[in-house]
Protein backbone atom coordinates (compact mmCIF):
# COMPACT_ATOMS: atom_id res chain seq x y z
CA MET A 1 81.74 47.28 129.86
CA SER A 2 83.82 49.35 127.43
CA LYS A 3 85.02 52.90 127.00
CA ARG A 4 82.01 53.54 124.77
CA ILE A 5 79.59 52.66 127.60
CA ALA A 6 81.43 54.98 129.99
CA ALA A 7 81.38 57.86 127.53
CA VAL A 8 77.73 57.36 126.61
CA ALA A 9 76.72 57.56 130.27
CA ILE A 10 78.34 60.98 130.46
CA ILE A 11 77.01 62.23 127.14
CA VAL A 12 73.43 61.12 127.79
CA CYS A 13 73.30 62.99 131.09
CA MET A 14 74.84 66.14 129.68
CA THR A 15 72.30 66.13 126.87
CA VAL A 16 69.45 66.26 129.39
CA PHE A 17 70.56 69.74 130.35
CA ILE A 18 71.66 70.94 126.92
CA THR A 19 68.63 69.84 124.88
CA GLY A 20 65.92 70.34 127.50
CA CYS A 21 62.77 68.46 126.48
CA GLN A 22 64.40 66.28 123.83
CA ASN A 23 64.76 62.70 125.05
CA PRO A 24 68.50 61.93 125.03
CA VAL A 25 68.80 58.19 125.42
CA THR A 26 68.85 56.88 121.88
CA MET A 27 70.54 59.90 120.34
CA PHE A 28 73.78 58.22 121.38
CA LEU A 29 73.09 54.59 120.63
CA ASP A 30 74.04 55.12 116.98
CA TRP A 31 77.42 56.23 118.21
CA LEU A 32 77.57 53.42 120.74
CA ASN A 33 77.07 50.90 117.94
CA GLY A 34 79.76 52.59 115.89
CA SER A 35 77.29 53.37 113.14
CA GLY A 36 75.25 56.23 111.79
CA ASP A 37 72.15 54.05 111.75
CA SER A 38 71.13 52.09 114.84
CA ARG A 39 67.83 50.71 113.57
CA GLU A 40 69.28 47.19 113.58
CA ALA A 41 69.86 47.47 117.34
CA PRO A 42 66.43 46.81 118.93
CA ARG A 43 65.28 49.29 121.57
CA ALA A 44 68.29 51.47 121.01
CA ASP A 45 67.43 54.41 118.85
CA ILE A 46 66.19 57.88 119.75
CA GLN A 47 66.01 60.19 116.83
CA SER A 48 64.14 63.41 116.18
CA GLY A 49 60.61 62.01 116.14
CA GLU A 50 60.13 63.06 112.52
CA ASP A 51 58.10 61.03 110.05
CA VAL A 52 60.15 58.65 107.94
CA GLU A 53 59.27 56.38 105.06
CA ILE A 54 59.12 52.66 105.80
CA GLY A 55 58.59 49.52 103.81
CA GLY A 56 55.19 47.93 103.41
CA ALA A 57 52.18 49.86 102.29
CA ALA A 58 52.95 52.56 99.78
CA GLY A 59 53.34 55.94 101.42
CA ALA A 60 53.28 54.53 104.95
CA ARG A 61 55.03 56.63 107.55
CA ILE A 62 56.26 55.88 111.03
CA ARG A 63 57.04 58.02 114.03
CA ASP A 64 59.83 57.18 116.43
CA THR A 65 57.97 57.17 119.73
CA VAL A 66 59.44 56.74 123.20
CA MET A 67 57.40 54.64 125.62
CA TYR A 68 58.13 53.83 129.22
CA TYR A 69 58.24 50.21 130.36
CA ARG A 70 59.14 48.73 133.73
CA ASP A 71 61.83 46.21 134.51
CA SER A 72 62.00 43.53 137.20
CA GLU A 73 63.53 45.97 139.69
CA GLY A 74 60.64 48.40 139.32
CA TYR A 75 62.49 51.01 137.25
CA LEU A 76 60.81 52.80 134.36
CA VAL A 77 62.90 52.48 131.21
CA PRO A 78 62.51 54.54 128.00
CA VAL A 79 62.09 52.31 124.95
CA LEU A 80 61.93 53.51 121.35
CA VAL A 81 59.11 52.06 119.24
CA ASP A 82 58.26 52.79 115.60
CA ILE A 83 54.53 53.48 115.26
CA GLU A 84 52.77 53.90 111.95
CA TRP A 85 51.55 57.47 111.70
CA GLU A 86 47.80 57.91 112.07
CA GLU A 87 45.36 60.50 113.34
CA GLY A 88 45.35 60.31 117.11
CA ILE A 89 48.84 58.83 117.30
CA ALA A 90 49.17 59.56 121.02
CA LYS A 91 46.20 57.29 121.69
CA ALA A 92 47.66 54.66 119.37
CA ALA A 93 50.94 54.82 121.29
CA LEU A 94 49.16 54.34 124.60
CA GLN A 95 47.14 51.43 123.24
CA ARG A 96 50.29 49.81 121.94
CA LEU A 97 52.01 50.32 125.28
CA ILE A 98 49.20 48.34 126.88
CA SER A 99 48.27 45.60 124.47
CA ASP A 100 50.40 45.26 121.34
CA THR A 101 51.12 41.53 121.03
CA GLU A 102 54.36 41.82 119.07
CA LEU A 103 55.71 44.43 121.44
CA SER A 104 54.70 42.34 124.45
CA VAL A 105 56.75 39.44 123.12
CA MET A 106 59.70 41.79 122.62
CA ALA A 107 59.30 43.14 126.13
CA GLN A 108 59.29 39.67 127.63
CA ASP A 109 62.39 38.74 125.65
CA THR A 110 64.23 41.79 127.00
CA GLY A 111 62.86 41.68 130.54
CA LEU A 112 60.88 44.91 130.11
CA TYR A 113 57.12 44.93 130.62
CA SER A 114 54.15 47.25 130.47
CA ALA A 115 53.46 48.94 133.81
CA ILE A 116 49.75 49.13 132.95
CA PRO A 117 47.59 46.17 134.07
CA ALA A 118 46.54 43.71 131.38
CA GLY A 119 43.08 44.20 129.95
CA THR A 120 43.14 47.98 130.32
CA GLU A 121 41.44 49.85 127.48
CA VAL A 122 41.94 53.43 126.38
CA LEU A 123 38.36 54.71 126.37
CA GLY A 124 39.29 58.18 125.21
CA LEU A 125 42.14 60.67 124.81
CA THR A 126 41.94 64.36 123.98
CA ILE A 127 44.75 66.91 123.81
CA ARG A 128 44.24 70.65 124.11
CA ASP A 129 46.53 73.47 125.21
CA GLY A 130 49.16 71.03 126.43
CA LEU A 131 46.71 69.01 128.53
CA ALA A 132 46.03 65.37 127.66
CA LYS A 133 42.84 63.99 129.18
CA VAL A 134 43.06 60.21 129.17
CA ASP A 135 40.18 57.94 130.10
CA LEU A 136 41.22 54.41 131.06
CA SER A 137 38.96 51.48 131.84
CA HIS A 138 38.69 50.20 135.41
CA GLU A 139 41.17 47.42 134.63
CA ALA A 140 43.90 50.05 134.98
CA LEU A 141 43.20 50.01 138.71
CA GLY A 142 44.05 46.32 138.98
CA TYR A 143 47.49 46.79 140.53
CA GLY A 144 48.42 45.41 143.94
CA THR A 145 51.05 47.68 145.50
CA ALA A 146 51.90 51.36 145.95
CA GLN A 147 54.91 50.90 143.68
CA GLU A 148 52.76 49.46 140.90
CA GLU A 149 50.36 52.40 141.28
CA GLU A 150 53.20 54.88 140.82
CA LEU A 151 54.69 52.96 137.90
CA MET A 152 51.35 52.78 136.08
CA LEU A 153 50.69 56.51 136.40
CA LYS A 154 54.22 57.60 135.53
CA SER A 155 54.40 55.22 132.58
CA VAL A 156 51.36 56.94 131.06
CA VAL A 157 52.51 60.47 131.93
CA TYR A 158 56.04 60.03 130.60
CA THR A 159 54.87 58.27 127.43
CA LEU A 160 52.29 60.94 126.58
CA THR A 161 54.58 63.86 127.40
CA GLU A 162 57.08 62.55 124.85
CA PHE A 163 54.70 64.21 122.36
CA ASN A 164 55.51 67.91 122.09
CA THR A 165 51.81 68.80 122.30
CA VAL A 166 51.49 67.35 125.82
CA ASP A 167 52.83 68.93 129.01
CA ARG A 168 50.55 67.35 131.61
CA VAL A 169 48.00 64.55 131.92
CA GLN A 170 44.57 64.40 133.56
CA PHE A 171 43.53 60.85 134.43
CA MET A 172 39.98 59.55 134.31
CA PHE A 173 38.77 56.01 134.95
CA ASP A 174 35.56 54.83 133.30
CA GLY A 175 34.80 58.46 132.52
CA LYS A 176 35.26 59.79 136.04
CA VAL A 177 38.03 61.81 137.68
CA VAL A 178 39.31 60.06 140.82
CA GLU A 179 40.65 62.43 143.47
CA ALA A 180 43.05 59.89 144.96
CA MET A 181 44.18 56.42 143.97
CA LYS A 182 44.08 53.32 146.17
CA TYR A 183 47.52 53.98 147.67
CA GLY A 184 47.15 57.74 147.99
CA THR A 185 48.48 59.18 144.73
CA ARG A 186 46.55 62.36 143.94
CA THR A 187 44.94 62.30 140.49
CA GLY A 188 42.20 64.90 140.87
CA SER A 189 44.29 67.48 139.01
CA PRO A 190 46.68 67.19 136.04
CA THR A 191 49.95 65.33 136.55
CA GLU A 192 53.32 66.37 135.10
CA ARG A 193 56.66 64.64 134.72
CA GLU A 194 58.37 64.50 138.08
CA ASP A 195 61.02 62.45 139.86
CA ILE A 196 61.29 59.42 137.60
CA ASN A 197 62.85 56.46 139.44
CA ALA A 198 63.53 58.61 142.50
CA ILE A 199 66.00 57.16 145.00
CA GLY A 200 66.38 58.66 148.45
CA ASP A 201 65.33 62.16 149.49
CA VAL A 202 64.53 64.33 146.46
CA ALA A 203 62.53 67.02 148.27
CA GLY A 204 65.17 69.71 147.69
CA SER A 205 67.64 70.20 144.85
CA LYS A 206 67.66 67.20 142.54
CA VAL A 207 68.97 65.99 139.23
CA THR A 208 68.19 63.16 136.80
CA VAL A 209 71.10 61.08 135.57
CA PHE A 210 71.43 57.79 133.68
CA PHE A 211 73.01 54.66 135.12
CA HIS A 212 73.70 51.38 133.40
CA ARG A 213 71.92 48.12 134.16
CA THR A 214 72.24 44.56 132.91
CA ASN A 215 69.14 42.59 133.82
CA GLU A 216 68.70 38.90 134.56
CA ARG A 217 68.33 38.15 130.83
CA GLY A 218 71.60 39.83 129.95
CA TYR A 219 69.86 42.82 128.35
CA GLU A 220 71.73 46.11 128.82
CA TYR A 221 70.11 49.53 129.01
CA PHE A 222 70.31 52.91 130.71
CA VAL A 223 67.94 53.83 133.54
CA PRO A 224 67.02 57.47 134.28
CA VAL A 225 67.30 58.07 138.03
CA THR A 226 66.33 61.13 140.09
CA LEU A 227 68.71 61.85 142.97
CA GLY A 228 68.79 64.56 145.60
CA THR A 229 71.93 66.68 145.34
CA GLY A 230 71.91 68.66 148.56
CA THR A 231 73.64 71.50 146.75
CA ALA A 232 72.69 74.75 145.07
CA GLY A 233 75.12 74.33 142.19
CA SER A 234 74.27 74.01 138.50
CA ASP A 235 72.49 70.95 137.15
CA MET A 236 75.57 70.09 135.12
CA ASP A 237 77.86 70.20 138.14
CA ALA A 238 75.42 68.06 140.11
CA ALA A 239 74.97 65.55 137.27
CA VAL A 240 78.69 65.01 136.81
CA LYS A 241 79.16 64.67 140.57
CA CYS A 242 76.40 62.04 140.78
CA LEU A 243 77.79 60.13 137.81
CA ILE A 244 81.27 59.98 139.30
CA GLU A 245 79.98 58.98 142.73
CA GLY A 246 77.92 56.24 141.10
CA PRO A 247 74.48 54.85 141.94
CA PRO A 248 73.30 54.36 145.52
CA ALA A 249 74.20 51.06 147.14
CA GLY A 250 71.56 48.39 146.70
CA SER A 251 70.00 50.07 143.67
CA GLY A 252 70.93 47.26 141.29
CA LEU A 253 72.47 49.85 138.97
CA GLN A 254 76.04 50.21 137.81
CA SER A 255 78.33 53.13 137.20
CA SER A 256 79.84 53.17 133.74
CA ILE A 257 82.57 55.58 134.82
CA PRO A 258 85.81 54.22 136.32
CA ASP A 259 86.60 54.89 139.96
CA ASN A 260 88.72 57.87 140.96
CA VAL A 261 88.41 59.68 137.63
CA LYS A 262 88.50 63.45 138.10
CA VAL A 263 86.96 66.26 136.08
CA LYS A 264 89.50 69.01 135.44
CA GLY A 265 86.95 71.45 134.06
CA MET A 266 83.57 71.84 132.37
CA GLY A 267 81.45 74.39 130.55
CA THR A 268 79.00 74.99 127.72
CA LYS A 269 79.25 76.92 124.48
CA ASN A 270 76.71 77.16 121.66
CA GLY A 271 74.64 74.35 123.12
CA ILE A 272 77.61 71.98 123.47
CA ALA A 273 78.83 70.69 126.83
CA TYR A 274 82.59 70.47 127.25
CA LEU A 275 84.04 68.23 129.97
CA ASN A 276 87.76 67.96 130.55
CA PHE A 277 88.52 64.61 132.18
CA GLU A 278 91.94 63.43 133.17
CA LYS A 279 93.28 61.10 130.51
CA GLY A 280 92.93 58.02 132.72
CA ILE A 281 89.30 57.70 131.68
CA PHE A 282 90.40 56.50 128.24
CA ASN A 283 92.49 53.71 129.73
CA TYR A 284 89.41 52.12 131.27
CA GLU A 285 88.61 48.72 129.82
CA GLY A 286 85.83 47.66 132.20
CA GLY A 287 85.27 44.32 133.78
CA GLU A 288 83.99 42.21 130.89
């Protein structure tokens, strides 16, 4: 792990609180790669979500779309995918999350997989006034554990709410609203983003930070984790504190910040977060 990894971990988390709804992960992968264009680095590029011209059919456009896959540890991981622009692109994104062959091969190569059971079909999707009503076939209920139930639902909710027209999601299965899922998750009313990859007690004050993980295939990525803070301080204070303390033991995650580094001061101005670390952070070379 290098200085760049350590710095990106800090920057990504600070951006969560500075930019609000904008997904931060791949905004910094260009910088991590030492380049202004990270498109050659698979699964490592979050841009603005604007249409861009691509090769192939004349006039074709793509949208940078963030989808949420699961890894072998049961974490949801944001992955950037380029989808050709079409009417009903949110439905197209969801269908690709479930069944796109090329993407499935990529996911298997990287150790990231769809959290939605194979064979699931998107029977319908409408969006109005921030509410996405998604109708999935009964195959979506073919999971076997409470964790898989949560991952399936949150994968859909987080993927759809990456679109700025969606704030919440109402699930239906074969055209019917189900009040509660097999393992107790309530789905009778709309679901919003909440507590992604929660570890420990998050009933009170909480914060979402990003920790580093290298999976069994050697693929490196950042995992968003929700942690309870037990404090009434600002989100920024809590995020920096959690980053420096590192991930909970047994989480399978790694801190990208060297031990015993101290923050001498922090603040924001004009939408920019300023953190004053002691200079020892730049002497960190990491283990590998």
